Amino acid sequence: MRRALRPLVTVLVFGLAWWALSRFAGIPAYLLPDPGSVATALWRNRALLAWSTLTTLTETVLGLLIGTAMGALCALAMVFSRSVRRWLMPVLLLSQAVPVFALAPLLVLWFGFGMASKVVMAVLVIFFPVSASLADGLAHTEPGWIELARTMGATRFRLLTRVRLPAALPAFASGLRVATAVAPIGAVIGEWVGAASGLGFVMLNANARIQTDLMFAALLVLACMTVALWMAVDHALRRLLFWVPDMRAADIEAAR
C-alpha cells in the first residue's frame, strides 16, 4: 500500500501545483495549458499518441539492447587488453565530448529518416554509461578473490566468469539503470531532427502549430514510458541480482 500511495501522492501534488500555476499565475494557455486541456488533447489524439509511443519505445529498446551489448564487449576488451584500452578510451571520451544533438543531422543523413538513425542515436547516448560502469566494476574486483581463485588453479576464462563478472554486475546494473533513463533522449532527439513518426515528431509538429496542449500530452506520455521502462529494468535487475547485499537491503526498505 505504501509503495502504491507514494507515487500517487507525488503525482497528485504535482498536478495540483500545475493546475494552480496555470489558473492563478496569469500565464497564457498557449504557454502553459491547464491539466484539463492536456487530458482532453491526450484523449482526442489517443490513437496518434499510441502509435507514436510504440515507435519511440521500439527505437529506445533496440538502442538499449544494442548499446548494452556493445558497451559490455568494449568494457571486456579494455579490461583484458591494455593496448585496446589505449585505443578505445580516446574514442569513448570523444563520443562524450561531442554533443549528441550535433551528430543527429549527420546520422539522419547517413541512415535516413527511418528507425535506424534513431536507434543509432540511442546507442550513442547509452554506450558510455554501460561500458564505463562495467569496466570500472571489472577493474576494481576484490584482489583477495582473484588471488584465491588463482591459487585454486582457475584459468583466465574461469576467473572472468566465476569471479570478475559476478563482482562487476552491481556496477554494471547501476550503469544500465542510467542508460535506461537516458535512452529515450537519443530516440527523441533523432525524431526532432528528422522523422515521420514518434513522440518527438508529434511534439515538434505540435510546437510548430502552437498546439501546446498536445505537446504537453506527448511529453507526459514520454515521461510515463520512460518511468515504466526504467521500473521494468530495475525490477529485472533486482530479481537477477538477488544475492547482492545492497539489492536485498533496498528491497527490504521498499517493503517497509
Protein backbone atom coordinates (compact mmCIF):
# COMPACT_ATOMS: atom_id res chain seq x y z
CA MET A 1 0.00 0.00 0.00
CA ARG A 2 2.78 2.43 0.89
CA ARG A 3 4.68 1.71 -2.32
CA ALA A 4 1.49 2.38 -4.30
CA LEU A 5 0.49 5.53 -2.39
CA ARG A 6 3.84 7.33 -2.58
CA PRO A 7 3.87 7.85 -6.38
CA LEU A 8 0.15 8.65 -6.36
CA VAL A 9 0.64 11.36 -3.75
CA THR A 10 3.59 12.77 -5.70
CA VAL A 11 1.57 12.90 -8.93
CA LEU A 12 -1.40 14.46 -7.11
CA VAL A 13 0.73 17.21 -5.55
CA PHE A 14 2.42 17.91 -8.88
CA GLY A 15 -0.96 18.04 -10.65
CA LEU A 16 -2.42 20.44 -8.08
CA ALA A 17 0.62 22.70 -8.31
CA TRP A 18 0.38 22.66 -12.11
CA TRP A 19 -3.34 23.49 -12.01
CA ALA A 20 -2.85 26.34 -9.52
CA LEU A 21 0.00 27.81 -11.58
CA SER A 22 -1.95 27.70 -14.83
CA ARG A 23 -5.11 29.03 -13.17
CA PHE A 24 -3.92 31.82 -10.89
CA ALA A 25 -0.50 32.88 -12.24
CA GLY A 26 -1.95 34.59 -15.30
CA ILE A 27 0.13 32.53 -17.75
CA PRO A 28 -1.50 32.31 -21.22
CA ALA A 29 -2.85 28.91 -22.22
CA TYR A 30 -0.60 28.72 -25.26
CA LEU A 31 2.41 28.87 -22.92
CA LEU A 32 1.13 26.68 -20.09
CA PRO A 33 -2.12 24.78 -20.64
CA ASP A 34 -4.03 23.52 -17.63
CA PRO A 35 -4.15 19.77 -16.83
CA GLY A 36 -7.71 19.52 -18.10
CA SER A 37 -6.74 20.78 -21.56
CA VAL A 38 -3.82 18.37 -21.69
CA ALA A 39 -6.07 15.47 -20.66
CA THR A 40 -8.54 16.42 -23.39
CA ALA A 41 -5.77 16.57 -26.00
CA LEU A 42 -4.47 13.24 -24.75
CA TRP A 43 -7.88 11.62 -25.23
CA ARG A 44 -8.63 13.19 -28.61
CA ASN A 45 -5.23 12.17 -30.01
CA ARG A 46 -5.02 8.80 -28.24
CA ALA A 47 -4.59 6.83 -31.48
CA LEU A 48 -1.80 9.09 -32.73
CA LEU A 49 -0.05 9.08 -29.36
CA ALA A 50 -0.38 5.31 -29.00
CA TRP A 51 1.23 4.67 -32.39
CA SER A 52 3.92 7.29 -31.73
CA THR A 53 4.67 5.74 -28.33
CA LEU A 54 5.10 2.33 -29.93
CA THR A 55 7.55 3.80 -32.44
CA THR A 56 9.62 5.62 -29.81
CA LEU A 57 9.56 2.64 -27.46
CA THR A 58 10.78 0.31 -30.21
CA GLU A 59 13.64 2.68 -31.05
CA THR A 60 14.55 3.00 -27.37
CA VAL A 61 14.50 -0.72 -26.63
CA LEU A 62 16.53 -1.58 -29.73
CA GLY A 63 19.06 1.10 -28.87
CA LEU A 64 19.21 -0.14 -25.30
CA LEU A 65 19.83 -3.75 -26.33
CA ILE A 66 22.43 -2.93 -28.97
CA GLY A 67 24.15 -0.29 -26.84
CA THR A 68 24.30 -2.59 -23.82
CA ALA A 69 25.83 -5.40 -25.85
CA MET A 70 28.39 -3.12 -27.49
CA GLY A 71 29.23 -1.41 -24.21
CA ALA A 72 29.76 -4.74 -22.44
CA LEU A 73 32.02 -6.04 -25.20
CA CYS A 74 34.00 -2.79 -25.19
CA ALA A 75 34.44 -2.96 -21.39
CA LEU A 76 35.67 -6.56 -21.57
CA ALA A 77 38.13 -5.66 -24.32
CA MET A 78 39.50 -2.67 -22.40
CA VAL A 79 39.97 -4.60 -19.17
CA PHE A 80 41.78 -7.56 -20.70
CA SER A 81 43.98 -5.71 -23.18
CA ARG A 82 45.94 -2.56 -22.34
CA SER A 83 46.61 -1.82 -25.99
CA VAL A 84 42.88 -1.99 -26.78
CA ARG A 85 42.21 0.26 -23.80
CA ARG A 86 44.70 2.84 -25.07
CA TRP A 87 42.98 2.86 -28.46
CA LEU A 88 39.35 2.77 -27.29
CA MET A 89 39.45 5.16 -24.34
CA PRO A 90 40.07 8.29 -26.51
CA VAL A 91 37.18 7.19 -28.73
CA LEU A 92 34.87 6.86 -25.72
CA LEU A 93 35.88 10.26 -24.38
CA LEU A 94 35.44 11.82 -27.81
CA SER A 95 31.95 10.34 -28.09
CA GLN A 96 31.02 12.22 -24.89
CA ALA A 97 32.84 15.43 -25.78
CA VAL A 98 30.84 15.88 -28.99
CA PRO A 99 27.17 16.73 -28.23
CA VAL A 100 24.83 14.05 -29.49
CA PHE A 101 22.48 16.69 -30.86
CA ALA A 102 25.28 17.90 -33.14
CA LEU A 103 25.62 14.41 -34.62
CA ALA A 104 21.89 13.96 -35.21
CA PRO A 105 21.75 15.66 -38.65
CA LEU A 106 24.67 13.55 -39.87
CA LEU A 107 23.10 10.35 -38.60
CA VAL A 108 19.81 11.18 -40.29
CA LEU A 109 21.73 11.92 -43.49
CA TRP A 110 23.67 8.64 -43.29
CA PHE A 111 20.95 6.30 -42.02
CA GLY A 112 17.83 8.01 -43.38
CA PHE A 113 14.60 9.24 -41.80
CA GLY A 114 13.59 5.77 -40.67
CA MET A 115 14.16 3.96 -37.41
CA ALA A 116 17.85 3.20 -37.97
CA SER A 117 19.10 6.74 -37.28
CA LYS A 118 17.11 6.94 -34.03
CA VAL A 119 18.43 3.59 -32.84
CA VAL A 120 21.99 4.73 -33.53
CA MET A 121 21.32 7.92 -31.55
CA ALA A 122 20.07 5.89 -28.59
CA VAL A 123 23.13 3.63 -28.83
CA LEU A 124 25.46 6.63 -28.72
CA VAL A 125 23.70 8.00 -25.64
CA ILE A 126 23.82 4.80 -23.57
CA PHE A 127 27.09 3.30 -24.81
CA PHE A 128 29.36 5.25 -22.45
CA PRO A 129 27.43 4.66 -19.16
CA VAL A 130 27.28 0.91 -19.79
CA SER A 131 30.90 0.46 -20.87
CA ALA A 132 32.30 2.75 -18.17
CA SER A 133 30.34 1.12 -15.34
CA LEU A 134 31.20 -2.44 -16.36
CA ALA A 135 34.85 -1.60 -16.98
CA ASP A 136 35.06 0.04 -13.57
CA GLY A 137 33.46 -2.97 -11.90
CA LEU A 138 35.80 -5.40 -13.64
CA ALA A 139 38.89 -3.32 -12.83
CA HIS A 140 38.03 -3.00 -9.13
CA THR A 141 37.32 -6.62 -8.30
CA GLU A 142 38.40 -7.57 -4.78
CA PRO A 143 42.11 -8.57 -5.12
CA GLY A 144 41.76 -11.29 -2.49
CA TRP A 145 39.10 -13.07 -4.54
CA ILE A 146 41.33 -13.03 -7.61
CA GLU A 147 44.34 -14.35 -5.68
CA LEU A 148 42.24 -17.10 -4.11
CA ALA A 149 40.89 -18.18 -7.50
CA ARG A 150 44.40 -18.24 -8.98
CA THR A 151 45.65 -20.26 -6.02
CA MET A 152 42.92 -22.81 -6.71
CA GLY A 153 44.09 -23.10 -10.33
CA ALA A 154 41.40 -21.04 -12.06
CA THR A 155 42.06 -20.32 -15.71
CA ARG A 156 41.68 -16.84 -17.13
CA PHE A 157 38.24 -17.71 -18.54
CA ARG A 158 37.02 -19.18 -15.25
CA LEU A 159 38.44 -16.20 -13.39
CA LEU A 160 36.34 -13.97 -15.63
CA THR A 161 33.10 -15.96 -15.47
CA ARG A 162 33.26 -17.09 -11.83
CA VAL A 163 34.85 -14.11 -10.07
CA ARG A 164 35.26 -10.88 -12.02
CA LEU A 165 31.94 -10.76 -13.86
CA PRO A 166 29.78 -11.58 -10.80
CA ALA A 167 31.70 -8.98 -8.80
CA ALA A 168 31.19 -6.37 -11.54
CA LEU A 169 27.46 -6.98 -12.01
CA PRO A 170 26.31 -4.44 -9.35
CA ALA A 171 28.31 -1.67 -11.05
CA PHE A 172 27.00 -2.83 -14.43
CA ALA A 173 23.44 -2.72 -13.07
CA SER A 174 23.93 0.89 -11.96
CA GLY A 175 25.17 1.85 -15.42
CA LEU A 176 22.27 0.01 -17.06
CA ARG A 177 19.77 1.91 -14.94
CA VAL A 178 21.31 5.20 -16.02
CA ALA A 179 21.32 4.04 -19.64
CA THR A 180 17.63 3.10 -19.42
CA ALA A 181 16.73 6.53 -18.10
CA VAL A 182 18.61 8.42 -20.84
CA ALA A 183 17.97 6.07 -23.78
CA PRO A 184 14.72 7.84 -24.84
CA ILE A 185 16.70 11.08 -25.13
CA GLY A 186 18.61 9.76 -28.13
CA ALA A 187 15.47 8.49 -29.84
CA VAL A 188 13.57 11.75 -29.32
CA ILE A 189 16.49 13.91 -30.49
CA GLY A 190 16.65 11.85 -33.65
CA GLU A 191 12.91 12.33 -34.17
CA TRP A 192 13.28 16.08 -33.72
CA VAL A 193 15.90 16.27 -36.45
CA GLY A 194 14.06 14.15 -38.98
CA ALA A 195 11.32 11.56 -38.68
CA ALA A 196 7.88 10.60 -39.89
CA SER A 197 6.54 9.25 -36.58
CA GLY A 198 7.30 9.06 -32.88
CA LEU A 199 6.65 11.19 -29.83
CA GLY A 200 9.42 13.62 -30.74
CA PHE A 201 7.83 14.07 -34.18
CA VAL A 202 4.45 14.77 -32.55
CA MET A 203 5.97 17.32 -30.17
CA LEU A 204 7.81 19.09 -32.98
CA ASN A 205 4.69 19.40 -35.15
CA ALA A 206 2.54 20.46 -32.19
CA ASN A 207 5.07 23.16 -31.30
CA ALA A 208 5.05 24.48 -34.88
CA ARG A 209 1.22 24.71 -34.78
CA ILE A 210 1.23 26.21 -31.24
CA GLN A 211 -0.76 23.18 -30.01
CA THR A 212 0.81 23.36 -26.58
CA ASP A 213 -1.75 21.02 -25.03
CA LEU A 214 -0.84 18.26 -27.49
CA MET A 215 2.87 18.91 -26.93
CA PHE A 216 2.38 18.55 -23.17
CA ALA A 217 0.33 15.39 -23.72
CA ALA A 218 3.13 13.84 -25.80
CA LEU A 219 5.68 14.90 -23.19
CA LEU A 220 3.57 13.31 -20.45
CA VAL A 221 3.31 10.06 -22.40
CA LEU A 222 7.08 10.09 -22.97
CA ALA A 223 7.72 10.56 -19.25
CA CYS A 224 5.36 7.70 -18.35
CA MET A 225 7.00 5.46 -20.96
CA THR A 226 10.47 6.22 -19.59
CA VAL A 227 9.42 5.59 -15.99
CA ALA A 228 7.71 2.31 -16.92
CA LEU A 229 10.77 1.13 -18.86
CA TRP A 230 13.10 2.06 -16.00
CA MET A 231 10.90 0.26 -13.46
CA ALA A 232 10.83 -2.86 -15.64
CA VAL A 233 14.63 -2.90 -15.95
CA ASP A 234 15.08 -2.16 -12.25
CA HIS A 235 12.70 -4.99 -11.30
CA ALA A 236 14.51 -7.42 -13.59
CA LEU A 237 17.89 -6.43 -12.16
CA ARG A 238 16.67 -6.90 -8.60
CA ARG A 239 15.43 -10.38 -9.48
CA LEU A 240 18.63 -11.35 -11.25
CA LEU A 241 20.98 -9.86 -8.64
CA PHE A 242 19.11 -11.06 -5.57
CA TRP A 243 22.39 -12.13 -3.96
CA VAL A 244 23.80 -8.58 -3.88
CA PRO A 245 23.54 -7.19 -0.29
CA ASP A 246 22.61 -3.68 -1.45
CA MET A 247 19.78 -5.08 -3.56
CA ARG A 248 18.36 -7.06 -0.65
CA ALA A 249 18.60 -4.05 1.65
CA ALA A 250 16.83 -1.87 -0.89
CA ASP A 251 14.03 -4.43 -1.29
CA ILE A 252 13.58 -4.66 2.47
CA GLU A 253 13.48 -0.87 2.80
CA ALA A 254 10.97 -0.57 -0.06
CA ALA A 255 8.76 -3.22 1.53
CA ARG A 256 8.63 -1.17 4.71
